[in-house]
PDB file of N, CA and C in Angstrom:
ATOM      1  N   UNK A   1     -17.927  -5.740 -10.512  1.00  0.00           N
ATOM      2  CA  UNK A   1     -18.036  -5.915  -9.068  1.00  0.00           C
ATOM      3  C   UNK A   1     -17.897  -7.386  -8.697  1.00  0.00           C
ATOM      4  N   UNK A   2     -18.490  -8.248  -9.507  1.00  0.00           N
ATOM      5  CA  UNK A   2     -18.408  -9.675  -9.209  1.00  0.00           C
ATOM      6  C   UNK A   2     -16.975 -10.184  -9.301  1.00  0.00           C
ATOM      7  N   UNK A   3     -16.195  -9.615 -10.229  1.00  0.00           N
ATOM      8  CA  UNK A   3     -14.795 -10.030 -10.356  1.00  0.00           C
ATOM      9  C   UNK A   3     -14.017  -9.668  -9.093  1.00  0.00           C
ATOM     10  N   UNK A   4     -14.302  -8.514  -8.512  1.00  0.00           N
ATOM     11  CA  UNK A   4     -13.621  -8.097  -7.282  1.00  0.00           C
ATOM     12  C   UNK A   4     -13.965  -9.068  -6.154  1.00  0.00           C
ATOM     13  N   UNK A   5     -15.228  -9.425  -6.058  1.00  0.00           N
ATOM     14  CA  UNK A   5     -15.664 -10.368  -5.016  1.00  0.00           C
ATOM     15  C   UNK A   5     -15.008 -11.725  -5.230  1.00  0.00           C
ATOM     16  N   UNK A   6     -14.969 -12.189  -6.476  1.00  0.00           N
ATOM     17  CA  UNK A   6     -14.339 -13.484  -6.767  1.00  0.00           C
ATOM     18  C   UNK A   6     -12.841 -13.454  -6.451  1.00  0.00           C
ATOM     19  N   UNK A   7     -12.173 -12.361  -6.795  1.00  0.00           N
ATOM     20  CA  UNK A   7     -10.750 -12.236  -6.475  1.00  0.00           C
ATOM     21  C   UNK A   7     -10.530 -12.267  -4.962  1.00  0.00           C
ATOM     22  N   UNK A   8     -11.369 -11.544  -4.226  1.00  0.00           N
ATOM     23  CA  UNK A   8     -11.237 -11.510  -2.765  1.00  0.00           C
ATOM     24  C   UNK A   8     -11.473 -12.894  -2.162  1.00  0.00           C
ATOM     25  N   UNK A   9     -12.483 -13.581  -2.649  1.00  0.00           N
ATOM     26  CA  UNK A   9     -12.764 -14.930  -2.144  1.00  0.00           C
ATOM     27  C   UNK A   9     -11.634 -15.895  -2.491  1.00  0.00           C
ATOM     28  N   UNK A  10     -11.093 -15.772  -3.702  1.00  0.00           N
ATOM     29  CA  UNK A  10      -9.977 -16.631  -4.098  1.00  0.00           C
ATOM     30  C   UNK A  10      -8.746 -16.386  -3.249  1.00  0.00           C
ATOM     31  N   UNK A  11      -8.458 -15.122  -2.971  1.00  0.00           N
ATOM     32  CA  UNK A  11      -7.319 -14.765  -2.133  1.00  0.00           C
ATOM     33  C   UNK A  11      -7.505 -15.294  -0.718  1.00  0.00           C
ATOM     34  N   UNK A  12      -8.696 -15.095  -0.187  1.00  0.00           N
ATOM     35  CA  UNK A  12      -8.990 -15.583   1.168  1.00  0.00           C
ATOM     36  C   UNK A  12      -8.859 -17.103   1.227  1.00  0.00           C
ATOM     37  N   UNK A  13      -9.375 -17.786   0.218  1.00  0.00           N
ATOM     38  CA  UNK A  13      -9.294 -19.250   0.186  1.00  0.00           C
ATOM     39  C   UNK A  13      -7.830 -19.707   0.142  1.00  0.00           C
ATOM     40  N   UNK A  14      -7.005 -19.006  -0.620  1.00  0.00           N
ATOM     41  CA  UNK A  14      -5.594 -19.343  -0.721  1.00  0.00           C
ATOM     42  C   UNK A  14      -4.904 -19.203   0.638  1.00  0.00           C
ATOM     43  N   UNK A  15      -5.170 -18.133   1.350  1.00  0.00           N
ATOM     44  CA  UNK A  15      -4.550 -17.906   2.659  1.00  0.00           C
ATOM     45  C   UNK A  15      -5.036 -18.937   3.680  1.00  0.00           C
ATOM     46  N   UNK A  16      -6.322 -19.226   3.664  1.00  0.00           N
ATOM     47  CA  UNK A  16      -6.860 -20.243   4.579  1.00  0.00           C
ATOM     48  C   UNK A  16      -6.241 -21.603   4.275  1.00  0.00           C
ATOM     49  N   UNK A  17      -6.127 -21.933   2.996  1.00  0.00           N
ATOM     50  CA  UNK A  17      -5.512 -23.212   2.617  1.00  0.00           C
ATOM     51  C   UNK A  17      -4.065 -23.279   3.096  1.00  0.00           C
ATOM     52  N   UNK A  18      -3.330 -22.197   2.914  1.00  0.00           N
ATOM     53  CA  UNK A  18      -1.946 -22.171   3.392  1.00  0.00           C
ATOM     54  C   UNK A  18      -1.868 -22.364   4.903  1.00  0.00           C
ATOM     55  N   UNK A  19      -2.751 -21.715   5.628  1.00  0.00           N
ATOM     56  CA  UNK A  19      -2.766 -21.852   7.087  1.00  0.00           C
ATOM     57  C   UNK A  19      -3.045 -23.288   7.501  1.00  0.00           C
ATOM     58  N   UNK A  20      -3.968 -23.920   6.810  1.00  0.00           N
ATOM     59  CA  UNK A  20      -4.304 -25.309   7.136  1.00  0.00           C
ATOM     60  C   UNK A  20      -3.164 -26.262   6.777  1.00  0.00           C
ATOM     61  N   UNK A  21      -2.537 -26.047   5.633  1.00  0.00           N
ATOM     62  CA  UNK A  21      -1.401 -26.874   5.235  1.00  0.00           C
ATOM     63  C   UNK A  21      -0.259 -26.693   6.234  1.00  0.00           C
ATOM     64  N   UNK A  22      -0.023 -25.454   6.687  1.00  0.00           N
ATOM     65  CA  UNK A  22       1.064 -25.174   7.629  1.00  0.00           C
ATOM     66  C   UNK A  22       0.879 -25.904   8.957  1.00  0.00           C
ATOM     67  N   UNK A  23      -0.369 -26.157   9.348  1.00  0.00           N
ATOM     68  CA  UNK A  23      -0.611 -26.906  10.585  1.00  0.00           C
ATOM     69  C   UNK A  23      -0.082 -28.324  10.479  1.00  0.00           C
ATOM     70  N   UNK A  24      -0.068 -28.856   9.266  1.00  0.00           N
ATOM     71  CA  UNK A  24       0.362 -30.233   9.043  1.00  0.00           C
ATOM     72  C   UNK A  24       1.822 -30.325   8.596  1.00  0.00           C
ATOM     73  N   UNK A  25       2.241 -29.355   7.776  1.00  0.00           N
ATOM     74  CA  UNK A  25       3.610 -29.378   7.267  1.00  0.00           C
ATOM     75  C   UNK A  25       4.065 -27.957   6.950  1.00  0.00           C
ATOM     76  N   UNK A  26       4.956 -27.447   7.779  1.00  0.00           N
ATOM     77  CA  UNK A  26       5.466 -26.105   7.505  1.00  0.00           C
ATOM     78  C   UNK A  26       6.309 -26.098   6.228  1.00  0.00           C
ATOM     79  N   UNK A  27       6.949 -27.222   5.908  1.00  0.00           N
ATOM     80  CA  UNK A  27       7.758 -27.286   4.692  1.00  0.00           C
ATOM     81  C   UNK A  27       6.892 -27.118   3.444  1.00  0.00           C
ATOM     82  N   UNK A  28       5.816 -27.856   3.360  1.00  0.00           N
ATOM     83  CA  UNK A  28       4.945 -27.766   2.179  1.00  0.00           C
ATOM     84  C   UNK A  28       4.318 -26.374   2.079  1.00  0.00           C
ATOM     85  N   UNK A  29       3.854 -25.836   3.205  1.00  0.00           N
ATOM     86  CA  UNK A  29       3.265 -24.490   3.191  1.00  0.00           C
ATOM     87  C   UNK A  29       4.313 -23.453   2.777  1.00  0.00           C
ATOM     88  N   UNK A  30       5.532 -23.605   3.266  1.00  0.00           N
ATOM     89  CA  UNK A  30       6.602 -22.672   2.903  1.00  0.00           C
ATOM     90  C   UNK A  30       6.921 -22.754   1.413  1.00  0.00           C
ATOM     91  N   UNK A  31       6.909 -23.952   0.869  1.00  0.00           N
ATOM     92  CA  UNK A  31       7.129 -24.104  -0.571  1.00  0.00           C
ATOM     93  C   UNK A  31       6.012 -23.430  -1.364  1.00  0.00           C
ATOM     94  N   UNK A  32       4.787 -23.557  -0.878  1.00  0.00           N
ATOM     95  CA  UNK A  32       3.659 -22.918  -1.566  1.00  0.00           C
ATOM     96  C   UNK A  32       3.798 -21.399  -1.545  1.00  0.00           C
ATOM     97  N   UNK A  33       4.283 -20.866  -0.441  1.00  0.00           N
ATOM     98  CA  UNK A  33       4.446 -19.418  -0.320  1.00  0.00           C
ATOM     99  C   UNK A  33       5.667 -18.955  -1.112  1.00  0.00           C
ATOM    100  N   UNK A  34       6.739 -19.757  -1.103  1.00  0.00           N
ATOM    101  CA  UNK A  34       7.965 -19.367  -1.796  1.00  0.00           C
ATOM    102  C   UNK A  34       7.744 -19.257  -3.306  1.00  0.00           C
ATOM    103  N   UNK A  35       6.861 -20.071  -3.831  1.00  0.00           N
ATOM    104  CA  UNK A  35       6.530 -19.924  -5.244  1.00  0.00           C
ATOM    105  C   UNK A  35       5.766 -18.617  -5.403  1.00  0.00           C
ATOM    106  N   UNK A  36       6.038 -17.878  -6.429  1.00  0.00           N
ATOM    107  CA  UNK A  36       5.369 -16.582  -6.567  1.00  0.00           C
ATOM    108  C   UNK A  36       3.936 -16.695  -7.086  1.00  0.00           C
ATOM    109  N   UNK A  37       3.150 -17.589  -6.474  1.00  0.00           N
ATOM    110  CA  UNK A  37       1.771 -17.802  -6.930  1.00  0.00           C
ATOM    111  C   UNK A  37       0.927 -16.537  -6.832  1.00  0.00           C
ATOM    112  N   UNK A  38       1.061 -15.821  -5.734  1.00  0.00           N
ATOM    113  CA  UNK A  38       0.264 -14.603  -5.569  1.00  0.00           C
ATOM    114  C   UNK A  38       0.643 -13.575  -6.634  1.00  0.00           C
ATOM    115  N   UNK A  39       1.934 -13.459  -6.919  1.00  0.00           N
ATOM    116  CA  UNK A  39       2.368 -12.523  -7.949  1.00  0.00           C
ATOM    117  C   UNK A  39       1.859 -12.954  -9.319  1.00  0.00           C
ATOM    118  N   UNK A  40       1.955 -14.241  -9.603  1.00  0.00           N
ATOM    119  CA  UNK A  40       1.463 -14.749 -10.885  1.00  0.00           C
ATOM    120  C   UNK A  40      -0.027 -14.450 -11.065  1.00  0.00           C
ATOM    121  N   UNK A  41      -0.794 -14.720 -10.014  1.00  0.00           N
ATOM    122  CA  UNK A  41      -2.237 -14.459 -10.085  1.00  0.00           C
ATOM    123  C   UNK A  41      -2.527 -12.969 -10.224  1.00  0.00           C
ATOM    124  N   UNK A  42      -1.770 -12.139  -9.521  1.00  0.00           N
ATOM    125  CA  UNK A  42      -1.981 -10.700  -9.601  1.00  0.00           C
ATOM    126  C   UNK A  42      -1.654 -10.176 -10.996  1.00  0.00           C
ATOM    127  N   UNK A  43      -0.536 -10.628 -11.558  1.00  0.00           N
ATOM    128  CA  UNK A  43      -0.166 -10.206 -12.913  1.00  0.00           C
ATOM    129  C   UNK A  43      -1.261 -10.614 -13.899  1.00  0.00           C
ATOM    130  N   UNK A  44      -1.727 -11.853 -13.775  1.00  0.00           N
ATOM    131  CA  UNK A  44      -2.794 -12.319 -14.671  1.00  0.00           C
ATOM    132  C   UNK A  44      -4.065 -11.499 -14.490  1.00  0.00           C
ATOM    133  N   UNK A  45      -4.426 -11.202 -13.243  1.00  0.00           N
ATOM    134  CA  UNK A  45      -5.641 -10.432 -12.979  1.00  0.00           C
ATOM    135  C   UNK A  45      -5.530  -8.994 -13.479  1.00  0.00           C
ATOM    136  N   UNK A  46      -4.342  -8.406 -13.397  1.00  0.00           N
ATOM    137  CA  UNK A  46      -4.156  -7.058 -13.944  1.00  0.00           C
ATOM    138  C   UNK A  46      -4.422  -7.081 -15.444  1.00  0.00           C
ATOM    139  N   UNK A  47      -3.870  -8.090 -16.107  1.00  0.00           N
ATOM    140  CA  UNK A  47      -4.056  -8.183 -17.553  1.00  0.00           C
ATOM    141  C   UNK A  47      -5.507  -8.493 -17.914  1.00  0.00           C
ATOM    142  N   UNK A  48      -6.099  -9.442 -17.206  1.00  0.00           N
ATOM    143  CA  UNK A  48      -7.499  -9.813 -17.473  1.00  0.00           C
ATOM    144  C   UNK A  48      -8.428  -8.635 -17.220  1.00  0.00           C
ATOM    145  N   UNK A  49      -8.142  -7.868 -16.162  1.00  0.00           N
ATOM    146  CA  UNK A  49      -9.006  -6.756 -15.786  1.00  0.00           C
ATOM    147  C   UNK A  49      -9.002  -5.588 -16.751  1.00  0.00           C
ATOM    148  N   UNK A  50      -7.963  -5.460 -17.572  1.00  0.00           N
ATOM    149  CA  UNK A  50      -7.944  -4.310 -18.468  1.00  0.00           C
ATOM    150  C   UNK A  50      -7.170  -4.543 -19.747  1.00  0.00           C
ATOM    151  N   UNK A  51      -6.600  -5.729 -19.908  1.00  0.00           N
ATOM    152  CA  UNK A  51      -5.843  -6.026 -21.108  1.00  0.00           C
ATOM    153  C   UNK A  51      -4.571  -5.207 -21.242  1.00  0.00           C
ATOM    154  N   UNK A  52      -4.068  -4.697 -20.127  1.00  0.00           N
ATOM    155  CA  UNK A  52      -2.907  -3.821 -20.145  1.00  0.00           C
ATOM    156  C   UNK A  52      -1.647  -4.614 -19.792  1.00  0.00           C
ATOM    157  N   UNK A  53      -0.978  -5.124 -20.809  1.00  0.00           N
ATOM    158  CA  UNK A  53       0.226  -5.928 -20.599  1.00  0.00           C
ATOM    159  C   UNK A  53       1.346  -5.092 -19.984  1.00  0.00           C
ATOM    160  N   UNK A  54       1.431  -3.821 -20.361  1.00  0.00           N
ATOM    161  CA  UNK A  54       2.487  -2.957 -19.822  1.00  0.00           C
ATOM    162  C   UNK A  54       2.322  -2.768 -18.319  1.00  0.00           C
ATOM    163  N   UNK A  55       1.090  -2.565 -17.858  1.00  0.00           N
ATOM    164  CA  UNK A  55       0.838  -2.390 -16.429  1.00  0.00           C
ATOM    165  C   UNK A  55       1.154  -3.684 -15.669  1.00  0.00           C
ATOM    166  N   UNK A  56       0.780  -4.827 -16.251  1.00  0.00           N
ATOM    167  CA  UNK A  56       1.062  -6.120 -15.620  1.00  0.00           C
ATOM    168  C   UNK A  56       2.570  -6.342 -15.518  1.00  0.00           C
ATOM    169  N   UNK A  57       3.294  -5.991 -16.568  1.00  0.00           N
ATOM    170  CA  UNK A  57       4.745  -6.144 -16.564  1.00  0.00           C
ATOM    171  C   UNK A  57       5.393  -5.176 -15.588  1.00  0.00           C
ATOM    172  N   UNK A  58       4.869  -3.957 -15.503  1.00  0.00           N
ATOM    173  CA  UNK A  58       5.403  -2.968 -14.552  1.00  0.00           C
ATOM    174  C   UNK A  58       5.228  -3.484 -13.121  1.00  0.00           C
ATOM    175  N   UNK A  59       4.066  -4.092 -12.826  1.00  0.00           N
ATOM    176  CA  UNK A  59       3.839  -4.678 -11.500  1.00  0.00           C
ATOM    177  C   UNK A  59       4.857  -5.786 -11.227  1.00  0.00           C
ATOM    178  N   UNK A  60       5.072  -6.670 -12.211  1.00  0.00           N
ATOM    179  CA  UNK A  60       6.032  -7.766 -12.041  1.00  0.00           C
ATOM    180  C   UNK A  60       7.442  -7.228 -11.815  1.00  0.00           C
ATOM    181  N   UNK A  61       7.803  -6.174 -12.540  1.00  0.00           N
ATOM    182  CA  UNK A  61       9.137  -5.572 -12.395  1.00  0.00           C
ATOM    183  C   UNK A  61       9.315  -4.973 -11.004  1.00  0.00           C
ATOM    184  N   UNK A  62       8.325  -4.229 -10.552  1.00  0.00           N
ATOM    185  CA  UNK A  62       8.404  -3.626  -9.222  1.00  0.00           C
ATOM    186  C   UNK A  62       8.499  -4.705  -8.143  1.00  0.00           C
ATOM    187  N   UNK A  63       7.705  -5.757  -8.294  1.00  0.00           N
ATOM    188  CA  UNK A  63       7.746  -6.864  -7.342  1.00  0.00           C
ATOM    189  C   UNK A  63       9.135  -7.488  -7.326  1.00  0.00           C
ATOM    190  N   UNK A  64       9.720  -7.667  -8.506  1.00  0.00           N
ATOM    191  CA  UNK A  64      11.062  -8.237  -8.611  1.00  0.00           C
ATOM    192  C   UNK A  64      12.070  -7.437  -7.783  1.00  0.00           C
ATOM    193  N   UNK A  65      12.010  -6.109  -7.897  1.00  0.00           N
ATOM    194  CA  UNK A  65      12.961  -5.267  -7.170  1.00  0.00           C
ATOM    195  C   UNK A  65      12.680  -5.234  -5.667  1.00  0.00           C
ATOM    196  N   UNK A  66      11.447  -5.486  -5.255  1.00  0.00           N
ATOM    197  CA  UNK A  66      11.110  -5.392  -3.826  1.00  0.00           C
ATOM    198  C   UNK A  66      11.183  -6.720  -3.077  1.00  0.00           C
ATOM    199  N   UNK A  67      11.400  -7.817  -3.790  1.00  0.00           N
ATOM    200  CA  UNK A  67      11.535  -9.106  -3.100  1.00  0.00           C
ATOM    201  C   UNK A  67      12.773  -9.130  -2.196  1.00  0.00           C
ATOM    202  N   UNK A  68      13.957  -8.741  -2.674  1.00  0.00           N
ATOM    203  CA  UNK A  68      15.129  -8.799  -1.777  1.00  0.00           C
ATOM    204  C   UNK A  68      14.976  -7.981  -0.489  1.00  0.00           C
ATOM    205  N   UNK A  69      14.530  -6.708  -0.548  1.00  0.00           N
ATOM    206  CA  UNK A  69      14.375  -6.013   0.737  1.00  0.00           C
ATOM    207  C   UNK A  69      13.257  -6.602   1.586  1.00  0.00           C
ATOM    208  N   UNK A  70      12.302  -7.265   0.958  1.00  0.00           N
ATOM    209  CA  UNK A  70      11.236  -7.915   1.715  1.00  0.00           C
ATOM    210  C   UNK A  70      11.739  -9.069   2.570  1.00  0.00           C
ATOM    211  N   UNK A  71      12.900  -9.604   2.201  1.00  0.00           N
ATOM    212  CA  UNK A  71      13.482 -10.699   2.977  1.00  0.00           C
ATOM    213  C   UNK A  71      13.952 -10.235   4.348  1.00  0.00           C
ATOM    214  N   UNK A  72      14.052  -8.922   4.540  1.00  0.00           N
ATOM    215  CA  UNK A  72      14.421  -8.392   5.860  1.00  0.00           C
ATOM    216  C   UNK A  72      13.434  -8.869   6.926  1.00  0.00           C
ATOM    217  N   UNK A  73      12.186  -9.061   6.545  1.00  0.00           N
ATOM    218  CA  UNK A  73      11.182  -9.541   7.499  1.00  0.00           C
ATOM    219  C   UNK A  73      11.663 -10.833   8.170  1.00  0.00           C
ATOM    220  N   UNK A  74      12.122 -11.772   7.361  1.00  0.00           N
ATOM    221  CA  UNK A  74      12.522 -13.076   7.889  1.00  0.00           C
ATOM    222  C   UNK A  74      13.808 -12.977   8.694  1.00  0.00           C
ATOM    223  N   UNK A  75      14.754 -12.172   8.225  1.00  0.00           N
ATOM    224  CA  UNK A  75      16.029 -12.018   8.924  1.00  0.00           C
ATOM    225  C   UNK A  75      15.795 -11.441  10.322  1.00  0.00           C
ATOM    226  N   UNK A  76      15.004 -10.381  10.404  1.00  0.00           N
ATOM    227  CA  UNK A  76      14.772  -9.727  11.692  1.00  0.00           C
ATOM    228  C   UNK A  76      13.903 -10.601  12.599  1.00  0.00           C
ATOM    229  N   UNK A  77      12.883 -11.245  12.049  1.00  0.00           N
ATOM    230  CA  UNK A  77      12.023 -12.121  12.867  1.00  0.00           C
ATOM    231  C   UNK A  77      12.839 -13.264  13.466  1.00  0.00           C
ATOM    232  N   UNK A  78      13.589 -13.944  12.625  1.00  0.00           N
ATOM    233  CA  UNK A  78      14.400 -15.067  13.110  1.00  0.00           C
ATOM    234  C   UNK A  78      15.473 -14.572  14.082  1.00  0.00           C
ATOM    235  N   UNK A  79      16.135 -13.478  13.722  1.00  0.00           N
ATOM    236  CA  UNK A  79      17.172 -12.924  14.603  1.00  0.00           C
ATOM    237  C   UNK A  79      16.615 -12.499  15.945  1.00  0.00           C
ATOM    238  N   UNK A  80      15.460 -11.835  15.929  1.00  0.00           N
ATOM    239  CA  UNK A  80      14.831 -11.421  17.179  1.00  0.00           C
ATOM    240  C   UNK A  80      14.488 -12.599  18.065  1.00  0.00           C
ATOM    241  N   UNK A  81      13.981 -13.650  17.466  1.00  0.00           N
ATOM    242  CA  UNK A  81      13.640 -14.844  18.236  1.00  0.00           C
ATOM    243  C   UNK A  81      14.902 -15.502  18.806  1.00  0.00           C
ATOM    244  N   UNK A  82      15.958 -15.551  17.997  1.00  0.00           N
ATOM    245  CA  UNK A  82      17.220 -16.144  18.470  1.00  0.00           C
ATOM    246  C   UNK A  82      17.827 -15.337  19.613  1.00  0.00           C
ATOM    247  N   UNK A  83      17.578 -14.008  19.601  1.00  0.00           N
ATOM    248  CA  UNK A  83      18.098 -13.149  20.670  1.00  0.00           C
ATOM    249  C   UNK A  83      17.206 -13.148  21.908  1.00  0.00           C
ATOM    250  N   UNK A  84      16.103 -13.885  21.861  1.00  0.00           N
ATOM    251  CA  UNK A  84      15.239 -14.011  23.022  1.00  0.00           C
ATOM    252  C   UNK A  84      14.080 -13.030  23.088  1.00  0.00           C
ATOM    253  N   UNK A  85      13.849 -12.250  22.023  1.00  0.00           N
ATOM    254  CA  UNK A  85      12.695 -11.350  22.020  1.00  0.00           C
ATOM    255  C   UNK A  85      11.405 -12.169  21.966  1.00  0.00           C
ATOM    256  N   UNK A  86      10.376 -11.647  22.578  1.00  0.00           N
ATOM    257  CA  UNK A  86       9.069 -12.294  22.482  1.00  0.00           C
ATOM    258  C   UNK A  86       8.589 -12.194  21.033  1.00  0.00           C
ATOM    259  N   UNK A  87       7.628 -13.022  20.675  1.00  0.00           N
ATOM    260  CA  UNK A  87       7.174 -13.089  19.290  1.00  0.00           C
ATOM    261  C   UNK A  87       6.682 -11.750  18.766  1.00  0.00           C
ATOM    262  N   UNK A  88       5.730 -11.109  19.457  1.00  0.00           N
ATOM    263  CA  UNK A  88       5.121  -9.894  18.909  1.00  0.00           C
ATOM    264  C   UNK A  88       6.084  -8.728  18.754  1.00  0.00           C
ATOM    265  N   UNK A  89       6.969  -8.473  19.724  1.00  0.00           N
ATOM    266  CA  UNK A  89       7.960  -7.421  19.484  1.00  0.00           C
ATOM    267  C   UNK A  89       8.873  -7.746  18.296  1.00  0.00           C
ATOM    268  N   UNK A  90       9.269  -9.001  18.176  1.00  0.00           N
ATOM    269  CA  UNK A  90      10.099  -9.420  17.055  1.00  0.00           C
ATOM    270  C   UNK A  90       9.336  -9.258  15.734  1.00  0.00           C
ATOM    271  N   UNK A  91       8.069  -9.609  15.747  1.00  0.00           N
ATOM    272  CA  UNK A  91       7.214  -9.474  14.560  1.00  0.00           C
ATOM    273  C   UNK A  91       7.084  -8.004  14.174  1.00  0.00           C
ATOM    274  N   UNK A  92       6.835  -7.156  15.149  1.00  0.00           N
ATOM    275  CA  UNK A  92       6.710  -5.722  14.890  1.00  0.00           C
ATOM    276  C   UNK A  92       7.985  -5.118  14.327  1.00  0.00           C
ATOM    277  N   UNK A  93       9.122  -5.484  14.916  1.00  0.00           N
ATOM    278  CA  UNK A  93      10.410  -5.006  14.397  1.00  0.00           C
ATOM    279  C   UNK A  93      10.640  -5.504  12.971  1.00  0.00           C
ATOM    280  N   UNK A  94      10.194  -6.705  12.699  1.00  0.00           N
ATOM    281  CA  UNK A  94      10.342  -7.268  11.352  1.00  0.00           C
ATOM    282  C   UNK A  94       9.564  -6.451  10.337  1.00  0.00           C
ATOM    283  N   UNK A  95       8.353  -6.056  10.692  1.00  0.00           N
ATOM    284  CA  UNK A  95       7.534  -5.237   9.802  1.00  0.00           C
ATOM    285  C   UNK A  95       8.185  -3.878   9.575  1.00  0.00           C
ATOM    286  N   UNK A  96       8.665  -3.256  10.657  1.00  0.00           N
ATOM    287  CA  UNK A  96       9.341  -1.961  10.527  1.00  0.00           C
ATOM    288  C   UNK A  96      10.602  -2.067   9.664  1.00  0.00           C
ATOM    289  N   UNK A  97      11.388  -3.108   9.876  1.00  0.00           N
ATOM    290  CA  UNK A  97      12.614  -3.299   9.098  1.00  0.00           C
ATOM    291  C   UNK A  97      12.294  -3.518   7.624  1.00  0.00           C
ATOM    292  N   UNK A  98      11.261  -4.280   7.359  1.00  0.00           N
ATOM    293  CA  UNK A  98      10.866  -4.534   5.974  1.00  0.00           C
ATOM    294  C   UNK A  98      10.427  -3.243   5.299  1.00  0.00           C
ATOM    295  N   UNK A  99       9.611  -2.459   5.996  1.00  0.00           N
ATOM    296  CA  UNK A  99       9.177  -1.180   5.447  1.00  0.00           C
ATOM    297  C   UNK A  99      10.350  -0.257   5.164  1.00  0.00           C
ATOM    298  N   UNK A 100      11.291  -0.189   6.106  1.00  0.00           N
ATOM    299  CA  UNK A 100      12.470   0.674   5.937  1.00  0.00           C
ATOM    300  C   UNK A 100      13.328   0.206   4.765  1.00  0.00           C
ATOM    301  N   UNK A 101      13.538  -1.088   4.659  1.00  0.00           N
ATOM    302  CA  UNK A 101      14.359  -1.614   3.557  1.00  0.00           C
ATOM    303  C   UNK A 101      13.686  -1.382   2.201  1.00  0.00           C
ATOM    304  N   UNK A 102      12.387  -1.611   2.126  1.00  0.00           N
ATOM    305  CA  UNK A 102      11.663  -1.382   0.861  1.00  0.00           C
ATOM    306  C   UNK A 102      11.715   0.095   0.487  1.00  0.00           C
ATOM    307  N   UNK A 103      11.502   0.969   1.457  1.00  0.00           N
ATOM    308  CA  UNK A 103      11.567   2.410   1.203  1.00  0.00           C
ATOM    309  C   UNK A 103      12.956   2.788   0.678  1.00  0.00           C
ATOM    310  N   UNK A 104      14.006   2.271   1.324  1.00  0.00           N
ATOM    311  CA  UNK A 104      15.378   2.597   0.923  1.00  0.00           C
ATOM    312  C   UNK A 104      15.656   2.128  -0.509  1.00  0.00           C
ATOM    313  N   UNK A 105      15.185   0.955  -0.861  1.00  0.00           N
ATOM    314  CA  UNK A 105      15.403   0.442  -2.216  1.00  0.00           C
ATOM    315  C   UNK A 105      14.657   1.292  -3.238  1.00  0.00           C
ATOM    316  N   UNK A 106      13.422   1.676  -2.931  1.00  0.00           N
ATOM    317  CA  UNK A 106      12.655   2.524  -3.849  1.00  0.00           C
ATOM    318  C   UNK A 106      13.369   3.856  -4.056  1.00  0.00           C
ATOM    319  N   UNK A 107      13.833   4.470  -2.979  1.00  0.00           N
ATOM    320  CA  UNK A 107      14.554   5.742  -3.087  1.00  0.00           C
ATOM    321  C   UNK A 107      15.820   5.559  -3.920  1.00  0.00           C
ATOM    322  N   UNK A 108      16.579   4.516  -3.633  1.00  0.00           N
ATOM    323  CA  UNK A 108      17.810   4.248  -4.380  1.00  0.00           C
ATOM    324  C   UNK A 108      17.529   4.032  -5.866  1.00  0.00           C
ATOM    325  N   UNK A 109      16.525   3.206  -6.177  1.00  0.00           N
ATOM    326  CA  UNK A 109      16.219   2.919  -7.581  1.00  0.00           C
ATOM    327  C   UNK A 109      15.752   4.164  -8.325  1.00  0.00           C
ATOM    328  N   UNK A 110      14.944   4.987  -7.669  1.00  0.00           N
ATOM    329  CA  UNK A 110      14.490   6.227  -8.306  1.00  0.00           C
ATOM    330  C   UNK A 110      15.669   7.150  -8.597  1.00  0.00           C
ATOM    331  N   UNK A 111      16.596   7.256  -7.647  1.00  0.00           N
ATOM    332  CA  UNK A 111      17.784   8.099  -7.859  1.00  0.00           C
ATOM    333  C   UNK A 111      18.674   7.522  -8.966  1.00  0.00           C
ATOM    334  N   UNK A 112      18.627   6.196  -9.132  1.00  0.00           N
ATOM    335  CA  UNK A 112      19.404   5.543 -10.175  1.00  0.00           C
ATOM    336  C   UNK A 112      18.703   5.586 -11.529  1.00  0.00           C
ATOM    337  N   UNK A 113      17.486   6.176 -11.550  1.00  0.00           N
ATOM    338  CA  UNK A 113      16.775   6.318 -12.803  1.00  0.00           C
ATOM    339  C   UNK A 113      15.867   5.159 -13.170  1.00  0.00           C
ATOM    340  N   UNK A 114      15.651   4.256 -12.222  1.00  0.00           N
ATOM    341  CA  UNK A 114      14.759   3.125 -12.481  1.00  0.00           C
ATOM    342  C   UNK A 114      13.343   3.533 -12.116  1.00  0.00           C
ATOM    343  N   UNK A 115      12.447   3.482 -13.089  1.00  0.00           N
ATOM    344  CA  UNK A 115      11.059   3.853 -12.853  1.00  0.00           C
ATOM    345  C   UNK A 115      10.281   2.655 -12.312  1.00  0.00           C
ATOM    346  N   UNK A 116       9.667   2.859 -11.173  1.00  0.00           N
ATOM    347  CA  UNK A 116       8.858   1.776 -10.575  1.00  0.00           C
ATOM    348  C   UNK A 116       7.386   2.111 -10.666  1.00  0.00           C
TER     349      UNK A 116
END
């Protein structure tokens, strides 16, 4: 139970730190987010939590395949803003587009025989 609490506090601290850094420099905060730090920590925590290297690797593999469709969030958000949409509608469309793209990739990969 304590490990779950520590993980939650660490995650929260990371997000708060990113938010604070972004107030001063969006470039530095973006670099921090672009690095797969959250994925690295999650893979390590999966392994630490049960010693299951296969499960940790499966998580990393699935994440690898879902990063490209996840980029739809940025394309739609930026595009919506450039087209004059207000922030929240553009944000909402970005979330929907990301979900649709991730779903489509999962369906495609499963049909192609890739186990996620």
